[in-house]
Amino acid sequence: MANGVWHTEYGIEINLTQPDLGVSGYPGLLEEIMTSVSERNPQLLECLAHKARRHRRRG
């Protein structure tokens, strides 16, 4: 499992190892990301490594 992910709708990095997810000001964020993929946007979270590779290709 990744330690960090990118929230594609908010444009923020989420650190899964921190109790507050490394961000503030997003009430309900934990519940949102813990929602089953079948019940939310399947593209909501993106692995940081994947995001970095995709960004380099666009470069």
Protein backbone atom coordinates (compact mmCIF):
# COMPACT_ATOMS: atom_id res chain seq x y z
CA MET A 1 0.00 0.00 0.00
CA ALA A 2 1.23 3.49 -0.81
CA ASN A 3 2.10 5.90 1.99
CA GLY A 4 0.86 8.86 0.02
CA VAL A 5 -1.79 9.45 -2.60
CA TRP A 6 -3.00 12.39 -4.67
CA HIS A 7 -6.63 13.48 -4.25
CA THR A 8 -7.55 14.30 -7.84
CA GLU A 9 -10.57 16.48 -7.02
CA TYR A 10 -9.00 18.61 -4.27
CA GLY A 11 -5.50 18.65 -5.78
CA ILE A 12 -3.87 17.71 -2.48
CA GLU A 13 -1.38 15.11 -1.33
CA ILE A 14 -2.71 12.80 1.37
CA ASN A 15 -0.23 11.12 3.70
CA LEU A 16 -1.79 7.85 4.81
CA THR A 17 0.69 7.39 7.65
CA GLN A 18 -0.41 10.52 9.53
CA PRO A 19 -3.51 10.62 11.75
CA ASP A 20 -4.69 13.89 10.13
CA LEU A 21 -3.67 12.62 6.67
CA GLY A 22 -1.16 15.49 6.50
CA VAL A 23 -3.81 18.06 5.60
CA SER A 24 -6.29 20.26 7.41
CA GLY A 25 -9.45 21.97 6.33
CA TYR A 26 -11.08 18.98 4.67
CA PRO A 27 -13.81 17.74 7.01
CA GLY A 28 -14.92 14.21 6.19
CA LEU A 29 -11.81 13.46 4.13
CA LEU A 30 -11.05 10.17 5.86
CA GLU A 31 -14.60 8.95 5.38
CA GLU A 32 -14.53 10.04 1.74
CA ILE A 33 -11.36 8.16 0.88
CA MET A 34 -12.46 5.09 2.86
CA THR A 35 -15.68 4.84 0.82
CA SER A 36 -15.76 1.78 -1.41
CA VAL A 37 -14.47 2.48 -4.92
CA SER A 38 -17.76 1.17 -6.28
CA GLU A 39 -19.53 4.02 -4.43
CA ARG A 40 -17.23 6.90 -5.39
CA ASN A 41 -15.21 8.18 -8.31
CA PRO A 42 -12.72 5.37 -9.01
CA GLN A 43 -10.17 7.98 -10.13
CA LEU A 44 -10.46 9.98 -6.88
CA LEU A 45 -7.11 8.80 -5.51
CA GLU A 46 -3.92 8.38 -7.49
CA CYS A 47 -0.63 6.87 -6.35
CA LEU A 48 2.00 9.62 -6.09
CA ALA A 49 4.51 7.56 -8.08
CA HIS A 50 1.99 7.13 -10.90
CA LYS A 51 1.19 10.84 -10.84
CA ALA A 52 4.89 11.72 -11.08
CA ARG A 53 5.43 9.39 -14.05
CA ARG A 54 2.37 10.78 -15.83
CA HIS A 55 3.55 14.36 -15.20
CA ARG A 56 7.05 13.62 -16.59
CA ARG A 57 5.56 12.20 -19.79
CA ARG A 58 3.60 15.40 -20.36
CA GLY A 59 6.70 17.54 -19.57
